[in-house]
C-alpha cells in the first residue's frame, strides 16, 4: 500500500473513532489555517530554508549552516501540546 493510501486509511480510522467535539475543533483550526493564507507562504518540499540558529532539545544552539556543511538536513518542528 502506498503512503497516500496508508495516510487516508489512518485518517478514516481516526475520524470514525474520535469524539465529535475533537473533530469539530480540529476542523475549525484547519479551516482557520487555510483561510489565513499561510499555505501560500509555506515552503514546499525541496525549498531552501533561510539560515538560522535554534536551540536543540538539549538547549544548545545549532546553526543550520554548520549542519548543512556535513550533508543534507531534514527539519522537523514539534508544535507542542495541542
C-alpha atoms as a PDB file:
ATOM      1  CA  UNK A   1       0.000   0.000   0.000  1.00  0.00           C
ATOM      2  CA  UNK A   2       1.448   3.376  -0.955  1.00  0.00           C
ATOM      3  CA  UNK A   3       1.894   6.192   1.546  1.00  0.00           C
ATOM      4  CA  UNK A   4      -1.157   8.221   0.462  1.00  0.00           C
ATOM      5  CA  UNK A   5      -3.433   5.191   0.821  1.00  0.00           C
ATOM      6  CA  UNK A   6      -1.995   4.488   4.258  1.00  0.00           C
ATOM      7  CA  UNK A   7      -2.499   8.107   5.324  1.00  0.00           C
ATOM      8  CA  UNK A   8      -6.069   8.106   4.014  1.00  0.00           C
ATOM      9  CA  UNK A   9      -6.821   4.880   5.894  1.00  0.00           C
ATOM     10  CA  UNK A  10      -5.326   6.293   9.102  1.00  0.00           C
ATOM     11  CA  UNK A  11      -7.385   9.480   8.750  1.00  0.00           C
ATOM     12  CA  UNK A  12     -10.569   7.492   8.179  1.00  0.00           C
ATOM     13  CA  UNK A  13      -9.805   5.299  11.194  1.00  0.00           C
ATOM     14  CA  UNK A  14      -9.235   8.366  13.387  1.00  0.00           C
ATOM     15  CA  UNK A  15     -12.305  10.215  12.146  1.00  0.00           C
ATOM     16  CA  UNK A  16     -14.531   7.194  12.746  1.00  0.00           C
ATOM     17  CA  UNK A  17     -13.397   6.843  16.361  1.00  0.00           C
ATOM     18  CA  UNK A  18     -12.675  10.393  17.578  1.00  0.00           C
ATOM     19  CA  UNK A  19     -15.281  12.247  19.626  1.00  0.00           C
ATOM     20  CA  UNK A  20     -17.314  14.758  17.610  1.00  0.00           C
ATOM     21  CA  UNK A  21     -16.097  17.697  19.736  1.00  0.00           C
ATOM     22  CA  UNK A  22     -12.471  16.798  18.927  1.00  0.00           C
ATOM     23  CA  UNK A  23     -13.200  16.588  15.215  1.00  0.00           C
ATOM     24  CA  UNK A  24     -15.054  19.903  15.365  1.00  0.00           C
ATOM     25  CA  UNK A  25     -12.111  21.704  16.992  1.00  0.00           C
ATOM     26  CA  UNK A  26      -9.633  20.181  14.548  1.00  0.00           C
ATOM     27  CA  UNK A  27     -11.781  21.045  11.531  1.00  0.00           C
ATOM     28  CA  UNK A  28     -12.216  24.655  12.692  1.00  0.00           C
ATOM     29  CA  UNK A  29      -8.474  25.003  13.258  1.00  0.00           C
ATOM     30  CA  UNK A  30      -7.716  23.528   9.830  1.00  0.00           C
ATOM     31  CA  UNK A  31     -10.180  25.878   8.148  1.00  0.00           C
ATOM     32  CA  UNK A  32      -8.702  28.841  10.037  1.00  0.00           C
ATOM     33  CA  UNK A  33      -5.229  27.951   8.771  1.00  0.00           C
ATOM     34  CA  UNK A  34      -6.467  27.572   5.196  1.00  0.00           C
ATOM     35  CA  UNK A  35      -8.229  30.957   5.373  1.00  0.00           C
ATOM     36  CA  UNK A  36      -5.170  32.665   6.862  1.00  0.00           C
ATOM     37  CA  UNK A  37      -3.215  32.384   3.596  1.00  0.00           C
ATOM     38  CA  UNK A  38      -0.443  30.532   5.396  1.00  0.00           C
ATOM     39  CA  UNK A  39      -0.418  27.747   2.798  1.00  0.00           C
ATOM     40  CA  UNK A  40       0.515  30.281   0.122  1.00  0.00           C
ATOM     41  CA  UNK A  41       3.537  31.374   2.179  1.00  0.00           C
ATOM     42  CA  UNK A  42       4.690  27.919   3.284  1.00  0.00           C
ATOM     43  CA  UNK A  43       7.858  26.463   1.853  1.00  0.00           C
ATOM     44  CA  UNK A  44       7.457  23.376  -0.277  1.00  0.00           C
ATOM     45  CA  UNK A  45       9.368  20.132  -0.454  1.00  0.00           C
ATOM     46  CA  UNK A  46      12.914  20.838  -1.621  1.00  0.00           C
ATOM     47  CA  UNK A  47      12.802  24.543  -0.744  1.00  0.00           C
ATOM     48  CA  UNK A  48      15.943  26.061   0.722  1.00  0.00           C
ATOM     49  CA  UNK A  49      15.407  27.269   4.280  1.00  0.00           C
ATOM     50  CA  UNK A  50      16.863  30.605   5.342  1.00  0.00           C
ATOM     51  CA  UNK A  51      19.911  30.276   7.564  1.00  0.00           C
ATOM     52  CA  UNK A  52      19.067  30.325  11.271  1.00  0.00           C
ATOM     53  CA  UNK A  53      20.196  29.228  14.707  1.00  0.00           C
ATOM     54  CA  UNK A  54      17.850  27.482  17.141  1.00  0.00           C
ATOM     55  CA  UNK A  55      18.351  25.567  20.349  1.00  0.00           C
ATOM     56  CA  UNK A  56      18.210  21.793  20.112  1.00  0.00           C
ATOM     57  CA  UNK A  57      16.289  19.596  22.548  1.00  0.00           C
ATOM     58  CA  UNK A  58      19.223  19.869  24.957  1.00  0.00           C
ATOM     59  CA  UNK A  59      19.136  23.672  24.905  1.00  0.00           C
ATOM     60  CA  UNK A  60      22.339  24.055  22.849  1.00  0.00           C
ATOM     61  CA  UNK A  61      22.314  26.388  19.828  1.00  0.00           C
ATOM     62  CA  UNK A  62      22.520  24.686  16.432  1.00  0.00           C
ATOM     63  CA  UNK A  63      23.336  26.711  13.320  1.00  0.00           C
ATOM     64  CA  UNK A  64      21.722  25.391  10.140  1.00  0.00           C
ATOM     65  CA  UNK A  65      24.706  26.341   8.003  1.00  0.00           C
ATOM     66  CA  UNK A  66      27.026  24.259  10.183  1.00  0.00           C
ATOM     67  CA  UNK A  67      24.801  21.207   9.938  1.00  0.00           C
ATOM     68  CA  UNK A  68      24.350  21.624   6.171  1.00  0.00           C
ATOM     69  CA  UNK A  69      28.128  21.612   5.727  1.00  0.00           C
ATOM     70  CA  UNK A  70      28.028  17.935   6.767  1.00  0.00           C
ATOM     71  CA  UNK A  71      25.271  16.965   4.306  1.00  0.00           C
ATOM     72  CA  UNK A  72      21.510  17.161   3.690  1.00  0.00           C
ATOM     73  CA  UNK A  73      19.230  18.194   6.539  1.00  0.00           C
ATOM     74  CA  UNK A  74      15.664  17.259   7.361  1.00  0.00           C
ATOM     75  CA  UNK A  75      13.954  19.788   9.616  1.00  0.00           C
ATOM     76  CA  UNK A  76      11.236  18.703  11.980  1.00  0.00           C
ATOM     77  CA  UNK A  77       9.285  21.056  14.200  1.00  0.00           C
ATOM     78  CA  UNK A  78       7.433  19.942  17.285  1.00  0.00           C
ATOM     79  CA  UNK A  79       4.310  22.046  17.668  1.00  0.00           C
ATOM     80  CA  UNK A  80       3.979  21.213  21.325  1.00  0.00           C
ATOM     81  CA  UNK A  81       0.904  20.203  23.207  1.00  0.00           C
ATOM     82  CA  UNK A  82      -2.417  20.606  21.400  1.00  0.00           C
END
